[in-house]
Amino acid sequence: MAKRRKIPVPYTPAVEAGPYIFISGQIAQITGTRTLRIENIVEETTLVMENLGRILEAAGLTYDHLVKCTVYTTKMQYYAEISRIYQTYFKGDVPAREMVGVKELPRGVNLEISGIAMR
């Protein structure tokens, strides 16, 4: 029987370059598990934002350090609900953002958000 070699996953949650932190797209996965929360878009958006927050916190930053976010959704009819939850995470001005409708996202999620933060 052939010996199997473990292939590393090509994913890094965040990369720091100068004063910038580039945060990879986050989905509604419960930290430390492969469990998803995608039953409703409010819960899904909340968990995605909390996952972004954990990465920011690990870098010593807050949501208010985000300068740019990209939101990907498989259903543009969720635009208003996603925006309503998203904006509650910011004390001041929200970062620059675009929302992009896509055909599908990893693991069948409805939402993925990436971000760029600045120290």
Protein backbone atom coordinates (compact mmCIF):
# COMPACT_ATOMS: atom_id res chain seq x y z
CA MET A 1 0.00 0.00 0.00
CA ALA A 2 1.33 3.44 -0.89
CA LYS A 3 2.34 5.69 1.97
CA ARG A 4 0.16 8.83 2.19
CA ARG A 5 1.77 12.19 2.59
CA LYS A 6 -0.09 14.95 4.40
CA ILE A 7 -0.39 17.99 2.15
CA PRO A 8 -0.48 21.29 4.06
CA VAL A 9 -3.55 23.45 3.59
CA PRO A 10 -2.66 26.62 1.67
CA TYR A 11 -4.34 28.93 4.17
CA THR A 12 -3.00 31.54 6.57
CA PRO A 13 -5.55 33.47 8.67
CA ALA A 14 -3.58 36.72 8.44
CA VAL A 15 -0.34 38.17 7.16
CA GLU A 16 1.37 41.28 8.45
CA ALA A 17 3.16 43.52 5.94
CA GLY A 18 4.46 46.78 7.31
CA PRO A 19 1.64 48.55 9.15
CA TYR A 20 -1.00 46.38 7.42
CA ILE A 21 -2.66 43.13 8.49
CA PHE A 22 -4.25 41.26 5.59
CA ILE A 23 -6.96 38.98 6.96
CA SER A 24 -7.99 36.01 4.87
CA GLY A 25 -11.65 35.41 4.16
CA GLN A 26 -13.51 34.25 7.26
CA ILE A 27 -16.56 32.02 7.23
CA ALA A 28 -19.03 31.03 9.94
CA GLN A 29 -16.94 28.20 11.33
CA ILE A 30 -16.83 27.70 15.08
CA THR A 31 -13.22 28.23 16.16
CA GLY A 32 -11.29 25.02 16.74
CA THR A 33 -13.89 22.85 15.00
CA ARG A 34 -15.12 22.18 11.50
CA THR A 35 -18.68 23.03 12.58
CA LEU A 36 -20.46 25.69 10.54
CA ARG A 37 -23.31 27.98 11.60
CA ILE A 38 -25.16 28.83 8.42
CA GLU A 39 -28.80 28.25 9.38
CA ASN A 40 -29.69 31.94 9.13
CA ILE A 41 -27.79 34.94 7.79
CA VAL A 42 -27.89 36.93 11.06
CA GLU A 43 -26.17 34.13 12.99
CA GLU A 44 -23.79 33.49 10.10
CA THR A 45 -22.78 37.17 9.80
CA THR A 46 -22.31 37.43 13.56
CA LEU A 47 -19.96 34.44 13.66
CA VAL A 48 -17.99 35.66 10.63
CA MET A 49 -17.49 39.04 12.31
CA GLU A 50 -16.48 37.37 15.59
CA ASN A 51 -13.91 35.29 13.69
CA LEU A 52 -12.50 38.49 12.14
CA GLY A 53 -12.41 39.99 15.63
CA ARG A 54 -10.38 37.07 17.03
CA ILE A 55 -7.72 37.59 14.38
CA LEU A 56 -7.66 41.33 15.00
CA GLU A 57 -7.38 40.77 18.75
CA ALA A 58 -4.47 38.34 18.27
CA ALA A 59 -2.69 41.14 16.39
CA GLY A 60 -3.46 43.61 19.18
CA LEU A 61 -6.07 45.43 17.10
CA THR A 62 -9.82 46.08 17.10
CA TYR A 63 -12.50 46.31 14.43
CA ASP A 64 -11.81 50.04 14.23
CA HIS A 65 -8.36 49.25 12.78
CA LEU A 66 -10.02 47.76 9.68
CA VAL A 67 -9.62 50.06 6.69
CA LYS A 68 -11.07 47.80 3.98
CA CYS A 69 -13.32 44.75 3.87
CA THR A 70 -14.59 42.59 1.06
CA VAL A 71 -17.86 40.77 1.61
CA TYR A 72 -18.74 37.82 -0.60
CA THR A 73 -22.26 36.42 -0.55
CA THR A 74 -24.09 33.80 -2.55
CA LYS A 75 -27.39 35.66 -2.08
CA MET A 76 -27.55 39.40 -2.65
CA GLN A 77 -31.01 39.44 -1.04
CA TYR A 78 -29.05 39.18 2.25
CA TYR A 79 -27.44 42.59 1.63
CA ALA A 80 -29.52 44.54 4.16
CA GLU A 81 -29.25 41.94 6.95
CA ILE A 82 -25.50 41.49 6.47
CA SER A 83 -25.01 45.27 6.48
CA ARG A 84 -27.14 45.71 9.61
CA ILE A 85 -25.07 43.21 11.61
CA TYR A 86 -21.72 44.26 10.08
CA GLN A 87 -22.04 47.93 11.04
CA THR A 88 -22.69 47.12 14.72
CA TYR A 89 -19.06 46.03 15.12
CA PHE A 90 -17.65 49.52 14.54
CA LYS A 91 -17.59 52.40 17.04
CA GLY A 92 -16.63 55.05 14.48
CA ASP A 93 -16.76 55.09 10.72
CA VAL A 94 -17.07 51.74 9.01
CA PRO A 95 -14.19 50.72 6.72
CA ALA A 96 -14.35 50.95 2.94
CA ARG A 97 -16.25 47.92 1.68
CA GLU A 98 -17.66 46.18 -1.32
CA MET A 99 -20.16 43.37 -1.37
CA VAL A 100 -19.77 40.90 -4.19
CA GLY A 101 -22.36 38.36 -5.27
CA VAL A 102 -20.77 35.02 -6.13
CA LYS A 103 -22.11 31.70 -7.33
CA GLU A 104 -20.70 29.67 -4.46
CA LEU A 105 -18.31 29.81 -1.49
CA PRO A 106 -16.23 27.17 0.31
CA ARG A 107 -18.11 24.50 2.24
CA GLY A 108 -21.49 25.81 1.06
CA VAL A 109 -21.49 28.93 3.24
CA ASN A 110 -23.53 31.99 2.29
CA LEU A 111 -20.97 34.57 3.41
CA GLU A 112 -17.23 35.20 3.55
CA ILE A 113 -15.52 38.42 4.69
CA SER A 114 -11.86 39.38 4.31
CA GLY A 115 -10.24 42.53 5.62
CA ILE A 116 -7.25 44.81 5.69
CA ALA A 117 -6.37 46.44 8.99
CA MET A 118 -3.76 49.10 9.67
CA ARG A 119 -1.79 49.67 12.87
